[in-house]
Every structure is written in C-alpha cells, then in structure tokens.
Protein backbone atom coordinates (compact mmCIF):
# COMPACT_ATOMS: atom_id res chain seq x y z
CA MET A 1 63.07 80.04 -140.45
CA TYR A 2 63.06 78.59 -144.24
CA ARG A 3 66.37 76.92 -145.01
CA TYR A 4 67.77 77.14 -148.55
CA ASP A 5 68.37 74.04 -150.58
CA GLN A 6 71.17 73.70 -153.18
CA TYR A 7 69.00 75.30 -155.93
CA ASP A 8 68.20 78.44 -153.71
CA GLN A 9 71.76 78.93 -152.94
CA THR A 10 73.11 78.31 -156.43
CA LEU A 11 70.55 80.91 -157.71
CA VAL A 12 71.73 83.66 -155.31
CA ASP A 13 75.40 82.95 -155.80
CA GLU A 14 75.21 83.04 -159.68
CA ARG A 15 73.29 86.29 -159.45
CA VAL A 16 76.03 87.76 -157.31
CA ILE A 17 78.65 86.67 -160.03
CA GLN A 18 76.41 88.23 -162.78
CA PHE A 19 75.89 91.49 -161.17
CA ARG A 20 79.48 91.94 -160.19
CA ASP A 21 80.38 91.65 -163.89
CA GLN A 22 77.50 93.95 -164.83
CA THR A 23 78.66 96.64 -162.41
CA ARG A 24 82.33 96.26 -163.51
CA ARG A 25 81.31 96.90 -167.27
CA TYR A 26 79.14 99.89 -166.29
CA LEU A 27 81.96 101.50 -164.29
CA ALA A 28 84.25 100.88 -167.16
CA GLY A 29 82.06 102.58 -169.61
CA GLU A 30 81.35 99.28 -171.42
CA LEU A 31 77.51 99.23 -170.42
CA PRO A 32 75.14 102.02 -171.25
CA ALA A 33 73.47 103.64 -168.24
CA ASP A 34 69.99 102.69 -169.65
CA GLU A 35 70.90 99.04 -170.03
CA PHE A 36 72.50 99.05 -166.50
CA ARG A 37 69.53 100.81 -164.96
CA ALA A 38 67.19 97.84 -165.66
CA LEU A 39 69.83 95.50 -164.32
CA ARG A 40 70.49 97.26 -161.05
CA LEU A 41 66.79 97.68 -160.34
CA ARG A 42 66.46 93.88 -160.57
CA ASN A 43 69.09 93.71 -157.86
CA GLY A 44 67.43 96.28 -155.51
CA LEU A 45 69.61 99.27 -156.38
CA TYR A 46 68.08 102.64 -156.77
CA VAL A 47 69.82 106.08 -157.35
CA GLN A 48 68.36 108.43 -154.56
CA ARG A 49 68.92 112.07 -153.82
CA PHE A 50 72.55 111.73 -152.35
CA ALA A 51 73.77 108.10 -152.97
CA PRO A 52 72.57 104.74 -154.16
CA MET A 53 69.93 102.91 -152.05
CA LEU A 54 69.96 99.14 -151.71
CA ARG A 55 66.78 97.43 -150.90
CA ILE A 56 67.38 93.85 -149.33
CA ALA A 57 64.53 91.27 -149.37
CA ILE A 58 63.14 89.81 -146.17
CA PRO A 59 60.74 87.32 -147.42
CA TYR A 60 57.51 87.47 -145.45
CA GLY A 61 59.34 89.41 -142.83
CA LEU A 62 61.43 86.41 -141.44
CA LEU A 63 65.07 86.89 -140.33
CA SER A 64 67.48 84.46 -138.49
CA SER A 65 69.83 86.01 -135.88
CA ARG A 66 72.71 85.26 -138.30
CA GLN A 67 71.02 87.22 -140.95
CA LEU A 68 70.36 90.22 -138.58
CA ARG A 69 74.00 90.23 -137.60
CA MET A 70 74.96 90.23 -141.36
CA LEU A 71 72.66 93.41 -141.76
CA GLY A 72 74.56 94.94 -138.77
CA HIS A 73 77.83 94.10 -140.62
CA ILE A 74 76.57 95.72 -143.80
CA ALA A 75 75.48 98.74 -142.09
CA ARG A 76 78.93 99.10 -140.34
CA THR A 77 81.10 98.20 -143.37
CA TYR A 78 79.35 99.60 -146.30
CA ASP A 79 76.81 102.29 -144.89
CA LYS A 80 76.65 104.76 -142.20
CA HIS A 81 76.00 102.43 -139.30
CA TYR A 82 72.19 102.01 -139.72
CA GLY A 83 69.53 100.55 -141.88
CA HIS A 84 65.90 101.42 -142.46
CA PHE A 85 63.10 98.86 -142.14
CA THR A 86 60.19 99.55 -144.48
CA THR A 87 56.43 98.76 -144.65
CA ARG A 88 57.19 96.05 -147.17
CA GLN A 89 59.09 93.92 -144.55
CA ASN A 90 62.40 94.81 -146.30
CA ILE A 91 65.48 96.78 -145.24
CA GLN A 92 67.07 99.62 -147.09
CA PHE A 93 70.53 100.97 -146.88
CA ASN A 94 70.81 104.51 -148.05
CA TRP A 95 74.62 105.16 -148.39
CA PRO A 96 76.26 102.23 -150.11
CA ALA A 97 79.00 103.01 -152.94
CA LEU A 98 77.90 101.52 -156.23
CA GLU A 99 81.27 99.66 -156.72
CA ARG A 100 80.88 97.94 -153.41
CA VAL A 101 77.23 96.75 -153.90
CA PRO A 102 78.52 93.44 -155.41
CA ASP A 103 80.37 92.81 -152.31
CA ILE A 104 77.16 93.43 -150.23
CA LEU A 105 75.27 90.88 -152.35
CA ALA A 106 77.97 88.46 -151.83
CA ASP A 107 77.92 88.92 -148.03
CA LEU A 108 74.07 88.52 -148.12
CA ALA A 109 74.41 85.26 -150.24
CA SER A 110 76.50 83.80 -147.45
CA VAL A 111 73.69 83.92 -145.02
CA GLN A 112 70.85 82.96 -147.63
CA MET A 113 69.68 86.53 -148.41
CA HIS A 114 69.58 88.75 -151.54
CA ALA A 115 68.16 91.78 -153.20
CA ILE A 116 66.56 90.00 -156.18
CA GLN A 117 63.30 91.53 -157.49
CA THR A 118 63.14 94.07 -154.61
CA SER A 119 62.51 96.78 -157.34
CA GLY A 120 61.74 96.95 -160.99
CA ASN A 121 58.53 95.95 -162.90
CA CYS A 122 58.44 92.31 -161.58
CA ILE A 123 56.97 90.31 -158.78
CA ARG A 124 58.26 91.93 -155.58
CA ASN A 125 58.89 90.53 -152.12
CA VAL A 126 56.01 88.24 -150.88
CA THR A 127 54.78 89.62 -147.41
CA SER A 128 52.65 88.09 -144.74
CA ASP A 129 51.39 88.38 -141.13
CA HIS A 130 54.22 89.19 -138.82
CA LEU A 131 52.61 86.86 -136.33
CA ALA A 132 52.42 83.89 -138.66
CA GLY A 133 52.79 80.66 -136.76
CA VAL A 134 52.22 82.06 -133.34
CA ALA A 135 48.84 83.94 -133.52
CA ALA A 136 45.96 82.58 -131.68
CA ASP A 137 43.48 83.70 -134.39
CA GLU A 138 45.21 81.88 -137.23
CA LEU A 139 43.85 79.02 -139.34
CA LEU A 140 47.33 77.80 -140.12
CA ASP A 141 50.87 79.04 -140.79
CA PRO A 142 50.74 80.98 -144.16
CA ARG A 143 54.65 81.10 -144.60
CA PRO A 144 55.11 77.79 -146.56
CA TYR A 145 52.36 79.23 -149.07
CA CYS A 146 54.38 82.47 -149.29
CA GLU A 147 57.71 80.51 -149.94
CA LEU A 148 56.04 78.53 -152.74
CA THR A 149 54.94 81.78 -154.19
CA ARG A 150 58.40 83.31 -153.92
CA GLN A 151 60.06 80.31 -155.73
CA TRP A 152 57.46 80.38 -158.46
CA ALA A 153 57.83 84.13 -158.95
CA THR A 154 61.72 84.41 -158.83
CA PHE A 155 63.06 84.78 -162.42
CA HIS A 156 59.73 83.85 -163.68
CA PRO A 157 60.54 84.18 -167.34
CA GLU A 158 57.03 85.35 -168.47
CA PHE A 159 56.72 88.00 -165.70
CA ASN A 160 60.14 89.51 -165.30
CA TRP A 161 59.13 92.53 -167.30
CA LEU A 162 55.55 93.41 -166.29
CA PRO A 163 53.73 96.80 -167.12
CA ARG A 164 54.53 97.80 -163.42
CA LYS A 165 55.67 96.37 -160.13
CA PHE A 166 53.57 93.54 -158.54
CA LYS A 167 52.97 92.83 -154.89
CA ILE A 168 51.34 89.64 -153.22
CA ALA A 169 50.43 89.32 -149.49
CA PHE A 170 48.95 86.41 -147.46
CA SER A 171 46.89 86.24 -144.53
CA ALA A 172 45.46 83.17 -142.56
CA ALA A 173 44.29 85.00 -139.46
CA GLY A 174 41.08 86.28 -138.40
CA GLY A 175 42.52 89.77 -138.15
CA ASP A 176 44.30 91.01 -141.38
CA ARG A 177 47.81 92.19 -140.27
CA ALA A 178 49.27 92.02 -143.84
CA ALA A 179 47.17 94.61 -145.44
CA ILE A 180 45.95 92.16 -148.14
CA ARG A 181 43.33 94.46 -149.61
CA VAL A 182 45.86 97.02 -150.82
CA HIS A 183 47.97 94.60 -152.71
CA ASP A 184 47.94 93.64 -156.39
CA ILE A 185 47.06 90.11 -155.21
CA GLY A 186 45.85 89.55 -151.59
CA VAL A 187 45.23 86.20 -150.36
CA GLN A 188 43.24 85.07 -147.43
CA ILE A 189 43.69 81.37 -146.53
CA VAL A 190 40.16 79.91 -145.57
CA ARG A 191 38.23 76.69 -145.13
CA ASN A 192 35.06 76.32 -147.08
CA ASP A 193 31.70 74.91 -145.67
CA ALA A 194 32.91 71.34 -146.47
CA GLY A 195 36.04 71.88 -144.28
CA GLU A 196 38.38 72.11 -147.48
CA LEU A 197 41.40 74.47 -147.26
CA GLY A 198 41.50 77.10 -150.04
CA TYR A 199 41.88 80.81 -150.74
CA THR A 200 39.85 83.90 -151.02
CA ILE A 201 41.51 86.04 -153.70
CA TYR A 202 41.47 89.77 -153.93
CA VAL A 203 43.05 91.43 -157.05
CA GLY A 204 43.53 95.03 -157.92
CA GLY A 205 44.31 96.74 -154.68
CA GLY A 206 47.07 99.33 -154.20
CA LEU A 207 47.97 102.59 -152.78
CA GLY A 208 49.99 105.43 -154.38
CA ARG A 209 48.67 108.01 -156.84
CA THR A 210 45.40 106.17 -157.28
CA PRO A 211 44.57 104.21 -154.11
CA ILE A 212 42.04 101.38 -154.40
CA ILE A 213 40.88 98.71 -152.03
CA GLY A 214 41.06 95.47 -153.90
CA PRO A 215 37.85 93.72 -154.80
CA MET A 216 37.30 89.98 -154.30
CA VAL A 217 37.75 88.17 -157.60
CA ARG A 218 37.22 84.62 -156.27
CA GLU A 219 35.59 83.68 -153.07
CA PHE A 220 37.05 80.22 -152.87
CA LEU A 221 40.02 78.80 -154.69
CA PRO A 222 40.92 75.14 -154.06
CA GLU A 223 44.31 74.75 -152.16
CA ALA A 224 46.06 72.87 -155.01
CA ASP A 225 45.36 75.78 -157.45
CA LEU A 226 47.19 78.60 -156.00
CA LEU A 227 50.03 78.93 -158.38
CA SER A 228 47.93 78.27 -161.54
CA TYR A 229 45.56 80.95 -160.52
CA PHE A 230 48.43 83.43 -159.89
CA GLU A 231 49.66 82.48 -163.37
CA ALA A 232 46.26 83.27 -164.96
CA VAL A 233 46.00 86.69 -163.15
CA LEU A 234 49.49 87.82 -164.23
CA ARG A 235 48.91 86.59 -167.77
CA VAL A 236 45.90 88.74 -168.11
CA TYR A 237 47.68 91.65 -166.56
CA ASN A 238 50.86 91.15 -168.63
CA ARG A 239 48.83 91.04 -171.84
CA LEU A 240 46.48 93.99 -171.30
CA GLY A 241 48.11 96.18 -168.65
CA ARG A 242 49.22 99.64 -169.97
CA ARG A 243 52.74 100.28 -170.80
CA ASP A 244 52.29 103.59 -172.36
CA ASN A 245 51.52 105.47 -169.10
CA ILE A 246 53.38 104.80 -165.83
CA TYR A 247 50.58 106.19 -163.78
CA LYS A 248 48.02 103.85 -165.34
CA ALA A 249 50.24 100.78 -165.54
CA ARG A 250 49.16 99.02 -162.21
CA ILE A 251 46.83 96.07 -162.37
CA LYS A 252 44.44 98.11 -160.21
CA ILE A 253 43.82 100.41 -163.12
CA LEU A 254 43.24 97.45 -165.54
CA VAL A 255 40.64 95.94 -163.08
CA LYS A 256 38.82 99.32 -162.60
CA GLU A 257 38.68 100.23 -166.19
CA THR A 258 37.82 96.72 -167.50
CA GLY A 259 35.18 96.18 -164.75
CA LEU A 260 35.47 93.48 -162.09
CA ALA A 261 33.07 90.92 -163.86
CA ALA A 262 34.82 91.35 -167.17
CA PHE A 263 38.35 90.94 -165.56
CA ARG A 264 37.18 87.89 -163.56
CA GLN A 265 35.89 86.20 -166.70
CA MET A 266 39.26 86.70 -168.55
CA VAL A 267 41.19 85.34 -165.48
CA GLU A 268 38.76 82.33 -165.27
CA ALA A 269 39.14 81.55 -169.01
CA GLU A 270 42.98 81.72 -168.71
CA TRP A 271 42.85 79.54 -165.64
CA GLU A 272 40.90 76.83 -167.46
CA GLN A 273 43.65 76.50 -169.78
CA ILE A 274 46.39 75.84 -167.33
CA LYS A 275 44.73 74.79 -164.01
CA ASP A 276 45.67 71.07 -164.66
CA SER A 277 49.19 71.74 -165.71
CA GLU A 278 52.41 71.14 -163.66
CA LEU A 279 51.54 74.26 -161.64
CA ARG A 280 49.00 72.26 -159.71
CA LEU A 281 50.13 71.47 -156.23
CA GLN A 282 50.47 67.82 -155.75
CA PRO A 283 49.87 65.97 -152.50
CA GLY A 284 52.98 66.37 -150.29
CA ASP A 285 54.19 69.59 -151.92
CA LEU A 286 53.00 71.69 -148.99
CA ASP A 287 54.39 69.12 -146.46
CA ALA A 288 57.79 69.18 -148.16
CA MET A 289 57.85 72.86 -147.98
CA ARG A 290 56.81 72.88 -144.37
CA ALA A 291 59.82 70.51 -143.76
CA ARG A 292 62.12 73.35 -144.99
CA PHE A 293 61.08 75.61 -142.02
CA ASP A 294 62.61 75.26 -138.61
CA THR A 295 60.44 74.08 -135.74
CA PHE A 296 60.83 74.84 -131.99
CA ASP A 297 60.70 72.77 -128.97
CA TYR A 298 58.61 74.82 -126.67
CA ASP A 299 59.18 74.57 -122.97
CA PRO A 300 56.09 72.75 -121.40
CA SER A 301 57.00 74.23 -117.95
CA ALA A 302 56.92 77.82 -119.27
CA ALA A 303 53.36 78.42 -118.10
CA SER A 304 54.21 77.49 -114.47
CA ASP A 305 56.36 80.60 -114.18
CA THR A 306 55.32 83.16 -111.58
CA SER A 307 58.02 85.70 -111.92
CA PHE A 308 56.40 87.57 -114.68
CA ASP A 309 53.28 88.51 -112.80
CA ALA A 310 55.61 89.45 -109.73
CA HIS A 311 57.57 91.81 -112.13
CA LEU A 312 54.41 93.26 -113.48
CA ALA A 313 53.20 94.16 -109.92
CA ALA A 314 56.63 95.38 -108.71
CA ASP A 315 57.70 97.42 -111.77
CA SER A 316 55.42 100.08 -113.32
CA ALA A 317 57.79 100.76 -116.28
CA PHE A 318 57.85 97.03 -117.06
CA ALA A 319 54.03 96.90 -116.68
CA ALA A 320 53.59 99.70 -119.12
CA TRP A 321 55.77 97.97 -121.63
CA ALA A 322 54.04 94.80 -121.19
CA ARG A 323 50.58 96.42 -121.74
CA ARG A 324 51.62 97.85 -125.07
CA ASN A 325 54.40 95.64 -126.53
CA LEU A 326 53.36 92.09 -125.68
CA GLN A 327 50.52 90.00 -127.40
CA PRO A 328 49.31 86.61 -126.65
CA HIS A 329 50.98 83.43 -128.04
CA ARG A 330 49.28 80.18 -129.03
CA VAL A 331 51.43 78.37 -126.73
CA ALA A 332 50.76 78.63 -122.95
CA GLY A 333 53.74 80.41 -121.02
CA TYR A 334 54.87 82.31 -124.13
CA LYS A 335 54.29 85.82 -125.40
CA VAL A 336 54.97 87.81 -128.54
CA ALA A 337 57.28 90.70 -127.83
CA PHE A 338 57.55 93.79 -130.05
CA VAL A 339 60.76 95.60 -130.37
CA SER A 340 59.76 99.35 -130.95
CA LEU A 341 61.77 101.22 -133.62
CA LYS A 342 59.92 104.41 -132.77
CA ALA A 343 61.96 106.02 -130.06
CA GLN A 344 62.12 109.80 -129.72
CA GLY A 345 64.72 111.54 -131.84
CA ILE A 346 65.05 108.54 -134.26
CA ALA A 347 63.54 108.23 -137.71
CA PRO A 348 60.74 105.55 -137.65
CA GLY A 349 62.02 102.23 -138.82
CA ASP A 350 65.78 103.06 -138.32
CA MET A 351 68.06 100.75 -136.49
CA THR A 352 71.73 101.06 -135.90
CA ASP A 353 74.39 98.27 -136.51
CA THR A 354 74.96 97.99 -132.64
CA GLN A 355 71.19 97.51 -132.15
CA MET A 356 71.08 94.87 -134.84
CA ASP A 357 73.95 92.82 -133.32
CA ALA A 358 72.35 93.15 -129.71
CA VAL A 359 68.90 92.07 -130.91
CA ALA A 360 70.50 89.23 -132.71
CA GLU A 361 72.01 88.10 -129.50
CA LEU A 362 68.69 88.55 -127.61
CA ALA A 363 66.88 86.41 -130.27
CA ASP A 364 69.48 83.68 -129.71
CA ARG A 365 69.05 83.89 -125.99
CA TYR A 366 65.21 84.31 -125.68
CA ALA A 367 63.56 83.55 -129.08
CA PHE A 368 64.93 80.46 -130.80
CA GLY A 369 67.28 82.79 -132.85
CA GLU A 370 64.49 84.39 -134.90
CA VAL A 371 63.36 87.85 -135.65
CA ARG A 372 60.37 89.26 -137.62
CA VAL A 373 59.85 92.48 -139.39
CA THR A 374 56.38 94.21 -139.14
CA HIS A 375 54.40 96.28 -141.66
CA ASP A 376 54.55 99.09 -139.06
CA GLN A 377 58.33 99.31 -139.17
CA ASN A 378 58.96 97.43 -135.88
CA LEU A 379 60.46 94.15 -135.05
CA VAL A 380 59.04 91.21 -133.24
CA LEU A 381 60.63 88.37 -131.11
CA ALA A 382 57.73 85.92 -131.48
CA ASP A 383 58.39 83.04 -129.05
CA VAL A 384 59.55 84.39 -125.71
CA ARG A 385 58.77 82.38 -122.44
CA GLN A 386 57.10 84.74 -119.95
CA GLY A 387 59.76 84.01 -117.36
CA ASP A 388 62.35 85.80 -119.82
CA LEU A 389 60.34 88.72 -120.52
CA TYR A 390 61.73 90.95 -117.69
CA PRO A 391 65.39 90.38 -118.62
CA LEU A 392 64.44 90.87 -122.33
CA TRP A 393 62.74 94.18 -121.46
CA GLN A 394 65.77 95.32 -119.37
CA SER A 395 68.01 94.66 -122.35
CA LEU A 396 65.76 96.34 -124.89
CA ARG A 397 65.43 99.47 -122.61
CA ASP A 398 69.20 99.74 -122.43
CA LEU A 399 69.31 99.54 -126.18
CA GLY A 400 66.57 102.27 -126.56
CA LEU A 401 64.28 99.60 -128.14
CA ALA A 402 61.61 99.47 -125.38
CA THR A 403 59.39 102.44 -125.97
CA PRO A 404 55.90 101.22 -124.86
CA ASN A 405 54.16 102.71 -127.76
CA ILE A 406 53.06 99.74 -130.14
CA GLY A 407 49.82 100.76 -131.66
CA LEU A 408 49.66 104.18 -130.23
CA LEU A 409 50.11 107.62 -131.92
CA THR A 410 53.91 107.69 -131.78
CA ASP A 411 54.00 104.24 -133.43
CA LEU A 412 53.61 106.22 -136.63
CA ILE A 413 55.00 104.92 -139.87
CA CYS A 414 56.68 107.11 -142.47
CA CYS A 415 58.90 106.75 -145.60
CA PRO A 416 62.37 108.40 -145.71
CA GLY A 417 60.79 111.35 -147.61
CA LEU A 418 62.83 114.30 -148.85
CA ASP A 419 65.67 113.42 -146.52
CA PHE A 420 66.70 110.62 -148.88
CA CYS A 421 64.29 109.85 -151.73
CA SER A 422 64.67 111.47 -155.08
CA LEU A 423 60.80 111.15 -155.66
CA ALA A 424 59.71 112.87 -152.55
CA ASN A 425 57.99 116.22 -152.53
CA ALA A 426 58.23 116.92 -148.87
CA GLY A 427 59.98 115.64 -145.67
CA SER A 428 58.46 112.97 -143.47
CA ILE A 429 61.11 112.34 -140.75
CA GLY A 430 61.06 115.81 -139.44
CA VAL A 431 57.27 115.96 -139.31
CA ALA A 432 57.42 112.65 -137.42
CA GLN A 433 59.58 114.07 -134.77
CA ASP A 434 57.37 117.24 -134.45
CA ILE A 435 54.55 114.79 -133.65
CA PHE A 436 56.59 112.90 -131.20
CA ASP A 437 57.48 116.14 -129.52
CA LEU A 438 53.79 117.20 -129.16
CA PHE A 439 52.71 113.72 -127.87
CA ASP A 440 55.86 112.86 -125.88
CA ASN A 441 53.81 111.95 -122.71
CA LEU A 442 53.13 108.25 -122.93
CA ASP A 443 50.23 108.53 -120.38
CA ASP A 444 48.56 110.86 -122.76
CA GLN A 445 49.10 108.36 -125.52
CA HIS A 446 47.62 105.68 -123.61
CA ASP A 447 44.54 107.85 -122.85
CA ILE A 448 44.14 108.51 -126.67
CA GLY A 449 44.34 104.75 -127.28
CA PRO A 450 44.97 102.76 -130.43
CA ILE A 451 45.49 104.86 -133.56
CA LYS A 452 47.48 104.56 -136.79
CA VAL A 453 49.21 107.54 -138.18
CA LYS A 454 50.92 106.94 -141.63
CA MET A 455 52.72 109.45 -143.56
CA SER A 456 54.33 109.64 -147.08
CA GLY A 457 56.55 112.14 -148.63
CA CYS A 458 54.93 111.77 -152.11
CA MET A 459 52.01 110.25 -154.03
CA ASN A 460 53.70 106.99 -154.36
CA GLY A 461 52.43 106.09 -150.77
CA CYS A 462 55.34 104.27 -149.29
CA GLY A 463 54.21 105.15 -145.94
CA HIS A 464 50.57 104.02 -146.67
CA HIS A 465 49.01 107.32 -145.85
CA SER A 466 45.86 106.58 -147.71
CA VAL A 467 44.92 103.96 -145.28
CA GLY A 468 45.97 105.54 -142.03
CA HIS A 469 43.32 106.54 -139.40
CA ILE A 470 45.25 109.92 -139.76
CA GLY A 471 47.08 109.99 -143.15
CA ILE A 472 49.63 112.65 -143.98
CA LEU A 473 50.90 113.18 -147.57
CA GLY A 474 53.76 115.62 -148.58
CA VAL A 475 53.00 117.78 -151.55
CA ASP A 476 55.05 120.51 -153.18
CA LYS A 477 53.73 124.01 -153.57
CA LYS A 478 55.98 126.30 -155.54
CA GLY A 479 59.12 124.71 -153.83
CA GLU A 480 57.74 124.61 -150.38
CA GLU A 481 56.70 121.68 -148.22
CA TRP A 482 53.00 121.21 -147.57
CA TYR A 483 50.85 118.34 -146.17
CA GLN A 484 47.48 117.00 -147.12
CA VAL A 485 45.59 115.11 -144.47
CA THR A 486 43.03 112.30 -144.61
CA LEU A 487 41.01 110.68 -141.95
CA GLY A 488 39.37 107.40 -141.55
CA GLY A 489 41.49 104.95 -143.59
CA SER A 490 42.08 101.38 -142.70
CA ALA A 491 44.18 98.48 -143.95
CA GLU A 492 42.65 95.79 -141.97
CA ASN A 493 39.52 93.63 -142.26
CA ASP A 494 37.40 96.78 -142.57
CA ALA A 495 39.70 98.25 -145.26
CA SER A 496 38.84 101.79 -146.34
CA LEU A 497 40.51 104.80 -147.92
CA GLY A 498 40.81 107.91 -145.90
CA ASP A 499 38.71 111.07 -146.65
CA ARG A 500 40.59 114.29 -147.26
CA THR A 501 40.02 116.97 -144.74
CA GLY A 502 40.44 119.99 -147.13
CA PRO A 503 43.34 122.32 -148.10
CA SER A 504 46.71 121.32 -147.12
CA PHE A 505 48.77 122.57 -144.28
CA SER A 506 52.28 124.25 -144.25
CA ARG A 507 55.30 122.51 -142.59
CA ASP A 508 54.72 124.59 -139.41
CA GLU A 509 51.01 123.90 -139.30
CA ILE A 510 50.92 120.05 -139.81
CA ALA A 511 51.87 118.82 -136.35
CA PRO A 512 49.41 121.25 -134.73
CA ALA A 513 46.77 119.93 -137.11
CA VAL A 514 47.30 116.53 -135.73
CA GLN A 515 46.94 117.96 -132.25
CA LYS A 516 43.61 119.52 -133.25
CA ILE A 517 42.23 116.29 -134.73
CA ILE A 518 43.12 114.36 -131.53
CA ASP A 519 41.44 116.94 -129.47
CA VAL A 520 38.08 116.58 -131.46
CA TYR A 521 38.32 112.86 -130.93
CA LEU A 522 38.90 113.12 -127.11
CA ARG A 523 36.09 115.54 -126.89
CA MET A 524 33.61 113.64 -128.90
CA ARG A 525 34.19 109.95 -128.40
CA ASN A 526 31.23 108.38 -126.46
CA SER A 527 33.65 106.40 -124.10
CA GLU A 528 37.27 105.76 -123.47
CA ASP A 529 36.78 102.31 -125.30
CA GLU A 530 35.67 104.08 -128.68
CA THR A 531 38.62 104.08 -130.90
CA PHE A 532 39.56 106.87 -133.20
CA LEU A 533 38.44 105.06 -136.22
CA ALA A 534 35.07 104.09 -134.74
CA CYS A 535 34.61 107.64 -133.57
CA TYR A 536 35.37 109.07 -137.05
CA ARG A 537 33.05 106.60 -138.71
CA ARG A 538 30.14 107.59 -136.25
CA ILE A 539 30.50 111.39 -136.40
CA GLY A 540 31.93 111.88 -139.73
CA MET A 541 34.34 114.53 -141.11
CA ALA A 542 32.45 117.77 -140.17
CA PRO A 543 33.71 118.22 -136.62
CA PHE A 544 37.21 117.57 -137.55
CA LYS A 545 37.01 120.02 -140.43
CA ALA A 546 35.46 122.76 -138.36
CA GLU A 547 38.31 122.53 -135.89
CA LEU A 548 41.10 122.35 -138.52
CA TYR A 549 39.82 125.32 -140.57
CA ALA A 550 38.27 127.49 -137.71
CA THR A 551 40.75 130.24 -138.34
CA GLU A 552 40.00 130.52 -142.05
CA ALA A 553 36.27 130.52 -141.53
CA ALA A 554 36.58 133.24 -138.98
C-alpha cells in the first residue's frame, strides 16, 4: 500500500478546503452554475438522473482495510448504504447530497483518499493489473511506476484542461489484465534484448462511440524516460486535439486522422526537446518510490499446510469456489482470492456498507490489511495463506460474496445504465439479472467455461461492451430500450473489437438472444477446452447470426 508523504496529504487537505468554499458559494448563488460545473467535475461530482454521483479514486485499484472501512462509513452516512465499483478501479456513490460532498471529501482525506481528477477533461485515475506484485507471470511490480505517473499527472498545469478525458494503464505481466490497448496511453513494462528495463508504449486506444485498439507508437522506451515521453504525447494531443466536437476530441481520433507515422514523428520531435529535462528519472527515484509502499513478511511455513487439500476433498462447495475464485501466488503456500460482487439479485459491482466493513476485517485477518479492485468489478484479497482459505471462504459465503463464478458467464460487467446515469439510453442492471436468471445453474456455467459478457447502457461504453466476448449495447428506439450485440471482442493480449451481429433486440429478447449464442457455441465447439472466443474466431459470425435471426428469415 502506498503511504502518503506530507506533500500528498497537504495537497488533498487543501483541495477539501477549496471545494468546500466553492460549494458554499454555489449554493449561496455567488458562483454561476457553468463555473461550478468545471470545478465539481475536477472533484469527481456528476449530476445524474436522480441525484449527484461522486466518483472516488482508487489509484491502480489498491485499498487498505482502513480505506475500505471509510468507504463503508460514507455509504452508511451520506448515501443509501452501498457503493458501486467500476471498470476503472474506482468506486461511485449515487445518492450524496451536494451540500455534504465537502464533508465526504474531508473524510476521504483523513484516510489518504480523494476524488481529484476522477472526471473532467484531465488525466484520470491511473490503472493497472489487479494482480500486481503477486502474479507469477509478472516481470516486476508496476505500481511504483503508476504512482510516479499519478503524481506527475495530478494538477499538472499544462494538462488540466485537455480536449477530452485521458486515461493511462500499466501492465508488467505476460497476460494483459489491465486492458492497456484500449487506453489513451497503454504501457507494457518490458526488458529489451540487452536486458534493460523499459516500456512498450501504445497510444490512441479507447472505447465509447468510436472504439479503437491502440497502436504501438514506440517498441522500446528506456526506463528513465517514462514521464518525459508522456509529456511529449500529451503536448501533441493538447495542441492538436479537437475542441470543436466532443465526439472527435479523444486522442484516438487525432492518431487515426493524423496517421500513426505522422503522429509518432510529432511525438518523437517533441520528446527530443524535453527528454533530458528534470522529467528524466534519476538513479534511485524508483527505489525511493518503492520504499513508499508497504512490504509483507510472508510465512515461510505456509506451504507446509495440509488443511487446504483436506477441505477441498471434504467440501464440494468449497472446492467449487476454489476452482473459480482462487489464482496462484508467486509465494509458495499463498493464494490470490477473488471476492465476487456478482451474486444473484445484486447489481454487478455493488457492495453494501456492512459488506465493506466485513471485508476490511477479513483483509486485516487474512491478507495484510489490503484489498484490490479489479477491472471486472470484483475485489481481490491477494495474499492469503492456503491454510486460511477455508475460514475465509466461510466468512465470504455468509456475506453473500462467495459466488464461485469468476470468469464465468454471470461474472458479467455492466454500467449503472438507465437506473442512474443521465447519459444512458437503456437499462443494464435489469438485463444483467435476466441473464443471471437464465444461467443460474453454476454447473452449466462451468460447462460453458470462461467467457466475458460486457454491457453498456449507451455509446460511452463504460461497461466495455466493444471488447466483450459477448458485448451488449443499450440503444434508444423511439423511447424504447433496445440492445445491439457484438461477438468476438477482447481486451487482453489478443485485443480485438467485437463484430456486430445485426439488428438490435428488444428488452424482452436480449437475454434469450444470449442463450441462443451460448447454444451455438456449445454445439459447435470442437472440444470442452475450446473457449468461446477461440470458437468464434474459428467458425465466424454466420452460425450465430443464423440462430439469432432464424425467425426473421423464416
């Protein structure tokens, strides 16, 4: 866990004081609404359908148990007893009263949290692999690089009013769990042939109205040049990005319209001017940053535990949970435990104040007091001794947080949709529940195997539908909710955009359409080991389209 220094704490404390006065002046009629809008957005405050929505930053998805308890306190004191974890590793509260938001920010500052730059046309929350630091396929821990980037980006005077929002993601693992190819800048930490650390840089990815897989702009950037290269990219974007059309303002449009070669040339020319500036990382900078993170004393005797295997053999429910919700840890005797926020009857990503308090207690007891937020709207306890997994599972089961569905069909992600969002065209949460109802048998889900269903209530794509194995997009047709379906998307190493199946489906038809898609897959896969994505890429759209639109054809 990163620990604030005096500068970090002063920064968030002063922002609270600043926003408290801005809110007071707005409510007193002394600050025009247009001026206040820009100020509240820089503090994570949106105006939604029914109430303000506050988005709180969870940098690179990392929470302490103390911070999670504070989120539970905020849900209980200022909201309706729950919060919503997002695909951006943030949390949103949907019902705070505007006049109390400064009090929320003050409470957050007391536990080294904030809502700074979680909205608005600025550099947003920096995200990363939720298994950072514990994954066996990891080159090194990317979180110190994320923190350097966060500090560089916060209140950056040149990039506080960009043409549009800007998102940066890091991965240092063999498998991309941070969706770096669909970010404005995606960073893969690598070693070159000489053994030197550095980065492969992707620029111009993004989802929303115009989804694009980000192209590689530099194959190898030396480790010391991270911030100066970021600065060069942002300068080119800030200078040339469109401000006349919100739908064409993202850097992905600039890269596409300029052409990758020309864009790369401009960035390299800008970088030549600044790469030897104070932005260049000096020897010891990363070591100093790593020293700001907590380290853990792992139990050397953890691997000698035999109770884990005994419980697997004796309790089939525990074995089912272990099969889906545990992943290997780089330290022998430890496992990574996923906390599923995808239970039947609950909106994906939602968590109550009581559950937050309880998971914070479990983190203290079993996971060094640390919790992570995933891009799939779940939580992770990343450092659990295998001997503690059975009592952990029992506690999570009692809390309704042990659904053994990680990576399966009901581990779908969706935005709040029309239930809350003023931008949405259609509901998402209700459709998610219809899909849960159709596939409520976990044995059937295990037979289907790994699959990523992603759903958004509008073209902004907060549910990442464009890169879902099955993607669902809510659209409006003359005041009615309809849904477009795409197949074959991926946000991982083999990143791809999904292909649209054809005409959209009504609200009543969309869950049965998913059932038809699954039926085709089960019928046509060449073995139980062939995943949905692999099967789709092998057989193509035609069999799925024939099944989906058979009635129309007849």
